[in-house]
Structure formats: C-alpha cells, structure tokens
Amino acid sequence: MSRLSSLSISGSDSLPEDAPCPASPLARAGSEPSGEQLAEIATLITDGTVLPILDSTFPLDEVAAAYAHARSGEANGKVAIAIR
C-alpha cells in the first residue's frame, strides 16, 4: 500500500529555486489546526462534501520534478508524492 503526502507551495515568487518549501500563509500567521478541526475536515472529505483536487502524483524519486511543477504555476490542485 502507498501513502500520499502532498506538496503545497505558496508564498512569494521571489524565493530562490533551492529554497525549502515555504509554509502556507496560515501557518506563517501562527494558525494551527486543532484535532477537532482536522476530524471535521476528514468527515467532510469522507462523506464527499469536500473533494480534494489532485493535479498530479509523482514517485518519491521524482520529488524535485514535483516541486518544480508545483512552483511553475501550472498545477491545478495538489501535487502529491507517492511514498512506497
């Protein structure tokens, strides 16, 4: 069985290409989800109310390509890394 881990890119376009993946604006603002919020989100996803949008999935050995794709602005949803 594989697990998926998403690569979420946000932040300034002026970051250098070798910069670590920036945190989301909410994380930078100090917002952290609670267990209750995460459970509510999981329920919404499980029952189909919220559908995550997956642009593409890359194998772990292509993480650099996944990062480049996410930073390119061409991704239309989450870019996932398959971890086997």
Protein backbone atom coordinates (compact mmCIF):
# COMPACT_ATOMS: atom_id res chain seq x y z
CA MET A 1 0.00 0.00 0.00
CA SER A 2 1.21 3.50 -0.81
CA ARG A 3 0.76 6.62 1.24
CA LEU A 4 0.39 10.03 -0.33
CA SER A 5 1.90 13.18 1.06
CA SER A 6 1.00 16.49 -0.53
CA LEU A 7 3.44 19.18 -1.52
CA SER A 8 1.81 22.55 -1.05
CA ILE A 9 3.58 25.58 -2.45
CA SER A 10 2.63 29.13 -1.58
CA GLY A 11 4.37 32.37 -0.87
CA SER A 12 6.49 34.80 -2.80
CA ASP A 13 7.67 34.12 -6.33
CA SER A 14 10.92 35.85 -5.39
CA LEU A 15 12.14 32.86 -3.38
CA PRO A 16 15.27 31.20 -4.76
CA GLU A 17 14.74 27.89 -6.58
CA ASP A 18 16.68 26.00 -3.88
CA ALA A 19 14.65 27.47 -1.01
CA PRO A 20 12.84 25.00 1.23
CA CYS A 21 9.12 24.68 0.59
CA PRO A 22 7.52 27.78 2.18
CA ALA A 23 4.78 27.42 4.76
CA SER A 24 1.23 28.36 3.93
CA PRO A 25 0.13 31.90 4.85
CA LEU A 26 -1.98 30.47 7.68
CA ALA A 27 0.97 28.57 9.13
CA ARG A 28 3.11 31.71 8.94
CA ALA A 29 0.39 33.58 10.82
CA GLY A 30 0.66 31.08 13.67
CA SER A 31 -2.59 29.24 12.96
CA GLU A 32 -2.54 25.56 13.87
CA PRO A 33 -5.50 23.24 13.29
CA SER A 34 -6.96 21.51 16.29
CA GLY A 35 -7.76 17.81 16.43
CA GLU A 36 -11.44 18.75 16.32
CA GLN A 37 -10.97 20.79 13.13
CA LEU A 38 -8.98 18.02 11.47
CA ALA A 39 -11.67 15.47 12.37
CA GLU A 40 -14.34 17.74 10.88
CA ILE A 41 -12.31 18.15 7.67
CA ALA A 42 -11.77 14.37 7.47
CA THR A 43 -15.53 13.82 7.81
CA LEU A 44 -16.26 16.35 5.05
CA ILE A 45 -13.79 14.60 2.75
CA THR A 46 -15.01 11.10 3.65
CA ASP A 47 -18.66 11.93 3.01
CA GLY A 48 -17.86 13.65 -0.28
CA THR A 49 -18.86 17.18 0.77
CA VAL A 50 -15.32 18.39 0.12
CA LEU A 51 -13.41 16.91 -2.79
CA PRO A 52 -9.65 17.47 -2.80
CA ILE A 53 -8.34 18.47 -6.22
CA LEU A 54 -5.33 16.39 -7.20
CA ASP A 55 -3.31 17.74 -10.11
CA SER A 56 -0.68 15.02 -10.28
CA THR A 57 1.19 12.35 -8.37
CA PHE A 58 4.96 11.86 -8.56
CA PRO A 59 7.04 8.97 -7.20
CA LEU A 60 9.35 9.83 -4.31
CA ASP A 61 12.43 9.66 -6.52
CA GLU A 62 10.95 12.49 -8.65
CA VAL A 63 10.34 14.92 -5.76
CA ALA A 64 12.45 17.61 -7.46
CA ALA A 65 10.20 17.43 -10.54
CA ALA A 66 7.11 17.58 -8.32
CA TYR A 67 8.47 20.67 -6.58
CA ALA A 68 9.29 22.30 -9.92
CA HIS A 69 5.80 21.51 -11.24
CA ALA A 70 4.15 22.95 -8.12
CA ARG A 71 6.27 26.13 -8.33
CA SER A 72 5.65 26.53 -12.07
CA GLY A 73 2.11 27.81 -11.55
CA GLU A 74 0.85 25.11 -13.93
CA ALA A 75 -0.54 22.83 -11.21
CA ASN A 76 -4.30 22.88 -10.95
CA GLY A 77 -4.70 21.35 -7.49
CA LYS A 78 -2.43 19.44 -5.14
CA VAL A 79 0.80 17.87 -6.29
CA ALA A 80 1.26 14.60 -4.40
CA ILE A 81 4.32 12.49 -3.70
CA ALA A 82 3.73 8.71 -3.57
CA ILE A 83 5.72 7.15 -0.74
CA ARG A 84 6.03 3.38 -1.06
